[in-house]
Amino acid sequence: MLLVPKVNRFAFTYDNWGANFGTSAGTSVVPGASNVYGSWTEVISDANVTTDIWAIEISITGGNTANSDKSQLVDIGYDPAGGTTYVSIFGDTATVGQAATKAWVCGNVGTLGTTGPDMVANLPLRIPSGSAIAVRLQGSNATAGTVRVLVKLYGKPSAPDITPRGGIARIIGAVTTSGGVSFTPGNATDGAWTSLGATGSNLWWWQLGVQCSNGTQTALYYYFDLAYGDGSNYHLIHRQARFTNTSETSRLGTSSHYSEAFCHVPSGATLYVRGRCSAAPTSGWNANVIGIG
């Protein structure tokens, strides 16, 4: 008898992509300028969250401007009552005008339809039925501009017993202004491991965010590695391929940010990032990471 392994399929999906996909897909969001948050902007209404959510995918596009540093951070929130009192999934209670303390780096992304989106987070995280979902962004530039945020939700798994779903999301990597932890990629060799900080709980799903905080970038190719360890021994979680161009855009080279996302990391372990460039790297690289537990 043929043994068919149990697999999962989500019976519920919902997205804000629009009836016809194009450059206006998703929701237009205005980041805050000069390193403060903009307002929360609803991206999925409570009327469309008709079941408990098991996973959320969020994509950021349209964040770059040629000849300008457009470092940015994104925060994701929800109101379980369907209103506008949003709770950050990262546990941050900062309000508009306060310095960002917990958010994911997402700058330097190109315009949808030409280069983007190239900052994508896939998060297996519970969001209760009836919630309204929103995002807020902050940017380093005095001219905020706009970005577009694309969101897709997944629910009603056919095999919930084998489908992992987290209850907490944590940012590992301190935020300064609109950037994460600074590090320097190596020139045709791996750069030094740089600590992002320690986990405060057991976490098992990872989404690395990197950006280049520099108003002048060149066309180069990079690897970025995420690992955990003790400062002497490093356990590789994920390798991300990216490339930059002279329009100050950073782009993904592969989709391994999802396929290598699962890795159990114990509480108290330190996360590390390093980079490798095809030639002399542009300065200004910084990173942090989302961990789900």
Protein backbone atom coordinates (compact mmCIF):
# COMPACT_ATOMS: atom_id res chain seq x y z
CA MET A 1 0.00 0.00 0.00
CA LEU A 2 1.28 3.44 -0.90
CA LEU A 3 1.94 5.59 2.15
CA VAL A 4 0.98 9.20 1.43
CA PRO A 5 2.57 11.59 3.94
CA LYS A 6 0.31 14.17 5.55
CA VAL A 7 0.75 17.64 4.05
CA ASN A 8 -0.92 20.94 4.75
CA ARG A 9 -2.94 23.28 2.56
CA PHE A 10 -4.56 26.50 3.73
CA ALA A 11 -8.26 26.67 2.87
CA PHE A 12 -8.39 30.41 3.66
CA THR A 13 -6.29 33.11 2.04
CA TYR A 14 -6.84 36.83 1.70
CA ASP A 15 -4.65 39.59 0.27
CA ASN A 16 -4.70 43.32 -0.45
CA TRP A 17 -3.14 42.96 -3.89
CA GLY A 18 -6.18 44.30 -5.74
CA ALA A 19 -8.35 42.97 -8.56
CA ASN A 20 -5.61 43.52 -11.17
CA PHE A 21 -1.99 43.18 -10.11
CA GLY A 22 0.24 46.11 -11.05
CA THR A 23 2.23 49.03 -9.71
CA SER A 24 -0.70 50.11 -7.51
CA ALA A 25 -1.05 46.74 -5.80
CA GLY A 26 -1.22 46.75 -2.04
CA THR A 27 -1.72 49.76 0.22
CA SER A 28 0.07 53.11 -0.05
CA VAL A 29 1.81 54.01 3.21
CA VAL A 30 3.63 57.25 4.09
CA PRO A 31 6.64 56.62 6.34
CA GLY A 32 7.55 59.08 9.00
CA ALA A 33 10.47 61.33 8.02
CA SER A 34 13.68 62.10 9.92
CA ASN A 35 13.62 58.96 12.07
CA VAL A 36 10.13 59.07 13.57
CA TYR A 37 7.17 56.81 12.88
CA GLY A 38 4.40 57.75 10.52
CA SER A 39 0.81 56.98 11.40
CA TRP A 40 -0.57 53.46 11.51
CA THR A 41 -2.16 52.63 8.15
CA GLU A 42 -4.69 49.81 7.90
CA VAL A 43 -3.70 47.24 5.27
CA ILE A 44 -6.34 44.55 6.00
CA SER A 45 -9.73 45.40 7.51
CA ASP A 46 -11.32 43.32 10.25
CA ALA A 47 -14.21 42.44 7.92
CA ASN A 48 -11.79 40.35 5.83
CA VAL A 49 -10.19 38.48 8.73
CA THR A 50 -12.96 35.92 9.12
CA THR A 51 -10.88 33.16 10.72
CA ASP A 52 -7.83 32.82 12.92
CA ILE A 53 -4.70 33.55 10.90
CA TRP A 54 -1.82 31.06 10.92
CA ALA A 55 0.65 33.01 8.76
CA ILE A 56 1.12 36.48 7.33
CA GLU A 57 3.31 37.52 4.41
CA ILE A 58 4.29 41.18 4.13
CA SER A 59 6.18 42.78 1.23
CA ILE A 60 7.61 46.31 1.09
CA THR A 61 8.11 48.05 -2.25
CA GLY A 62 8.83 51.53 -3.59
CA GLY A 63 11.16 52.69 -0.81
CA ASN A 64 14.22 53.80 -2.78
CA THR A 65 15.17 57.15 -4.30
CA ALA A 66 18.25 57.56 -6.52
CA ASN A 67 21.13 59.45 -4.89
CA SER A 68 19.47 59.30 -1.46
CA ASP A 69 19.78 57.19 1.66
CA LYS A 70 16.29 55.78 2.21
CA SER A 71 16.86 53.59 5.27
CA GLN A 72 13.50 52.49 6.66
CA LEU A 73 11.91 50.37 9.40
CA VAL A 74 8.51 48.65 9.38
CA ASP A 75 6.32 47.80 12.35
CA ILE A 76 3.31 45.46 12.05
CA GLY A 77 0.30 45.80 14.30
CA TYR A 78 -3.20 44.50 14.79
CA ASP A 79 -6.31 45.37 16.79
CA PRO A 80 -8.07 42.18 17.89
CA ALA A 81 -11.28 44.16 18.42
CA GLY A 82 -11.27 45.37 14.81
CA GLY A 83 -10.64 49.01 15.70
CA THR A 84 -7.63 51.29 15.36
CA THR A 85 -5.83 50.65 18.65
CA TYR A 86 -3.06 48.59 17.14
CA VAL A 87 -0.74 46.33 19.13
CA SER A 88 2.67 45.72 17.57
CA ILE A 89 3.46 42.06 16.96
CA PHE A 90 6.94 42.91 18.25
CA GLY A 91 5.62 44.05 21.64
CA ASP A 92 6.59 47.70 21.11
CA THR A 93 4.35 50.35 22.68
CA ALA A 94 6.06 53.35 21.05
CA THR A 95 3.71 56.00 19.67
CA VAL A 96 4.07 58.44 16.80
CA GLY A 97 7.00 60.77 17.44
CA GLN A 98 8.89 58.40 19.72
CA ALA A 99 12.10 56.71 18.67
CA ALA A 100 11.57 53.27 17.16
CA THR A 101 12.70 50.54 19.51
CA LYS A 102 11.44 47.38 17.79
CA ALA A 103 10.97 47.23 14.03
CA TRP A 104 12.38 45.39 11.00
CA VAL A 105 14.82 47.03 8.58
CA CYS A 106 13.30 47.33 5.09
CA GLY A 107 14.99 50.20 3.21
CA ASN A 108 16.31 50.56 -0.35
CA VAL A 109 13.54 48.59 -2.09
CA GLY A 110 12.59 49.33 -5.68
CA THR A 111 9.28 50.18 -7.31
CA LEU A 112 6.83 47.38 -7.97
CA GLY A 113 6.82 46.53 -11.66
CA THR A 114 10.47 47.44 -12.17
CA THR A 115 12.54 45.89 -9.37
CA GLY A 116 10.50 45.14 -6.25
CA PRO A 117 9.38 43.93 -3.85
CA ASP A 118 12.65 42.82 -2.33
CA MET A 119 11.89 42.97 1.38
CA VAL A 120 9.54 40.10 2.14
CA ALA A 121 8.75 38.61 5.55
CA ASN A 122 6.88 35.32 5.91
CA LEU A 123 5.69 34.98 9.50
CA PRO A 124 3.89 31.89 10.88
CA LEU A 125 2.17 33.87 13.61
CA ARG A 126 -1.33 33.74 15.09
CA ILE A 127 -3.57 36.74 14.53
CA PRO A 128 -7.09 36.26 15.91
CA SER A 129 -10.22 36.32 13.76
CA GLY A 130 -11.83 39.75 13.51
CA SER A 131 -8.56 41.67 13.81
CA ALA A 132 -7.72 44.77 11.80
CA ILE A 133 -4.10 44.74 10.56
CA ALA A 134 -1.95 47.83 10.05
CA VAL A 135 1.64 48.90 9.48
CA ARG A 136 3.68 51.97 10.27
CA LEU A 137 7.07 52.95 8.92
CA GLN A 138 9.81 55.37 9.72
CA GLY A 139 12.58 56.59 7.46
CA SER A 140 15.90 58.35 7.82
CA ASN A 141 15.30 60.80 4.99
CA ALA A 142 13.72 64.21 5.55
CA THR A 143 11.59 63.55 2.44
CA ALA A 144 9.41 60.64 3.47
CA GLY A 145 7.97 59.66 0.08
CA THR A 146 5.62 56.68 -0.02
CA VAL A 147 5.90 52.92 -0.07
CA ARG A 148 3.43 50.22 -1.02
CA VAL A 149 2.79 47.37 1.37
CA LEU A 150 1.45 44.04 0.11
CA VAL A 151 -0.03 41.60 2.62
CA LYS A 152 -1.36 38.05 2.31
CA LEU A 153 -3.00 36.06 5.09
CA TYR A 154 -3.30 32.28 5.49
CA GLY A 155 -5.76 30.35 7.67
CA LYS A 156 -7.77 27.14 8.05
CA PRO A 157 -4.90 24.65 7.64
CA SER A 158 -5.94 21.20 6.50
CA ALA A 159 -3.37 19.62 8.83
CA PRO A 160 -3.07 21.88 11.88
CA ASP A 161 -1.25 19.19 13.86
CA ILE A 162 1.79 19.44 11.58
CA THR A 163 1.57 23.17 10.81
CA PRO A 164 3.71 25.27 13.16
CA ARG A 165 2.37 28.60 14.34
CA GLY A 166 4.02 30.99 16.75
CA GLY A 167 2.58 33.08 19.52
CA ILE A 168 5.34 35.71 19.81
CA ALA A 169 7.52 37.72 17.43
CA ARG A 170 10.78 39.26 18.54
CA ILE A 171 13.24 41.68 16.93
CA ILE A 172 16.87 40.73 17.58
CA GLY A 173 19.17 43.64 16.81
CA ALA A 174 19.06 47.10 18.35
CA VAL A 175 17.62 49.95 16.29
CA THR A 176 19.47 53.26 15.98
CA THR A 177 17.63 56.02 14.10
CA SER A 178 16.26 54.07 11.09
CA GLY A 179 18.83 51.30 10.96
CA GLY A 180 19.78 48.05 12.62
CA VAL A 181 23.16 46.79 13.79
CA SER A 182 26.05 47.99 11.63
CA PHE A 183 28.43 45.45 10.09
CA THR A 184 31.00 45.37 7.28
CA PRO A 185 30.90 42.74 4.50
CA GLY A 186 34.20 41.27 3.37
CA ASN A 187 35.81 41.95 -0.02
CA ALA A 188 35.54 38.63 -1.91
CA THR A 189 35.73 36.89 1.47
CA ASP A 190 33.46 36.49 4.45
CA GLY A 191 33.47 39.45 6.81
CA ALA A 192 33.65 39.13 10.59
CA TRP A 193 30.64 37.86 12.51
CA THR A 194 28.83 40.75 14.21
CA SER A 195 26.54 40.18 17.19
CA LEU A 196 22.91 41.19 16.79
CA GLY A 197 22.11 40.34 20.41
CA ALA A 198 20.79 37.44 22.44
CA THR A 199 17.43 35.71 22.32
CA GLY A 200 15.21 36.09 25.36
CA SER A 201 13.14 32.99 24.63
CA ASN A 202 13.19 29.85 22.50
CA LEU A 203 12.63 30.86 18.87
CA TRP A 204 12.35 28.69 15.75
CA TRP A 205 11.59 30.85 12.67
CA TRP A 206 13.83 33.60 11.26
CA GLN A 207 13.53 36.43 8.74
CA LEU A 208 16.72 38.45 8.20
CA GLY A 209 16.48 42.09 7.18
CA VAL A 210 19.46 43.97 5.71
CA GLN A 211 19.79 47.41 4.17
CA CYS A 212 22.52 49.78 3.01
CA SER A 213 22.31 53.21 4.64
CA ASN A 214 24.21 55.08 1.95
CA GLY A 215 23.05 57.61 -0.65
CA THR A 216 25.57 56.30 -3.21
CA GLN A 217 25.64 52.59 -4.02
CA THR A 218 27.31 50.67 -6.81
CA ALA A 219 26.36 47.56 -8.74
CA LEU A 220 27.65 44.75 -6.50
CA TYR A 221 26.69 41.26 -5.36
CA TYR A 222 26.48 40.09 -1.75
CA TYR A 223 25.91 37.13 0.52
CA PHE A 224 24.54 37.74 4.02
CA ASP A 225 24.71 34.98 6.63
CA LEU A 226 22.64 34.62 9.80
CA ALA A 227 23.90 32.30 12.53
CA TYR A 228 23.63 31.65 16.23
CA GLY A 229 26.39 30.65 18.61
CA ASP A 230 28.61 31.53 21.54
CA GLY A 231 31.24 33.74 19.91
CA SER A 232 33.51 30.81 19.08
CA ASN A 233 31.12 28.34 17.47
CA TYR A 234 28.57 29.43 14.88
CA HIS A 235 25.59 27.47 13.56
CA LEU A 236 24.47 28.79 10.20
CA ILE A 237 20.71 29.40 9.94
CA HIS A 238 20.37 31.14 6.62
CA ARG A 239 22.29 32.62 3.69
CA GLN A 240 20.68 35.45 1.74
CA ALA A 241 21.85 36.59 -1.71
CA ARG A 242 21.32 40.25 -2.65
CA PHE A 243 22.60 42.73 -5.20
CA THR A 244 22.63 46.51 -5.39
CA ASN A 245 22.52 48.99 -8.26
CA THR A 246 23.30 52.65 -8.88
CA SER A 247 19.68 53.66 -8.20
CA GLU A 248 20.35 52.85 -4.54
CA THR A 249 18.21 49.73 -4.67
CA SER A 250 18.92 46.49 -2.85
CA ARG A 251 17.37 43.36 -4.38
CA LEU A 252 16.97 39.74 -3.39
CA GLY A 253 18.89 37.22 -5.48
CA THR A 254 17.08 34.11 -4.23
CA SER A 255 14.03 33.11 -2.18
CA SER A 256 16.01 31.23 0.49
CA HIS A 257 14.80 33.74 3.08
CA TYR A 258 11.77 31.44 3.33
CA SER A 259 13.08 27.95 2.63
CA GLU A 260 15.84 28.27 5.27
CA ALA A 261 13.70 30.07 7.85
CA PHE A 262 13.09 27.14 10.23
CA CYS A 263 15.74 26.65 12.92
CA HIS A 264 15.35 26.04 16.66
CA VAL A 265 17.50 28.50 18.64
CA PRO A 266 17.49 28.26 22.44
CA SER A 267 16.86 31.12 24.81
CA GLY A 268 20.06 33.00 25.65
CA ALA A 269 21.85 32.20 22.39
CA THR A 270 23.44 35.07 20.48
CA LEU A 271 22.51 35.84 16.87
CA TYR A 272 25.23 36.94 14.44
CA VAL A 273 25.34 38.43 10.95
CA ARG A 274 28.17 38.67 8.43
CA GLY A 275 28.48 39.63 4.77
CA ARG A 276 30.55 38.88 1.68
CA CYS A 277 30.79 41.16 -1.37
CA SER A 278 31.92 40.42 -4.91
CA ALA A 279 34.35 43.37 -4.66
CA ALA A 280 34.97 46.28 -2.28
CA PRO A 281 31.61 46.68 -0.49
CA THR A 282 29.64 49.87 -0.13
CA SER A 283 29.69 51.12 3.46
CA GLY A 284 26.60 51.52 5.62
CA TRP A 285 25.22 47.97 5.86
CA ASN A 286 23.04 47.19 8.86
CA ALA A 287 20.69 44.40 9.87
CA ASN A 288 18.28 42.91 12.34
CA VAL A 289 16.13 39.80 12.37
CA ILE A 290 12.60 38.70 13.23
CA GLY A 291 12.38 35.57 15.39
CA ILE A 292 9.13 33.65 15.94
CA GLY A 293 8.47 31.42 18.92
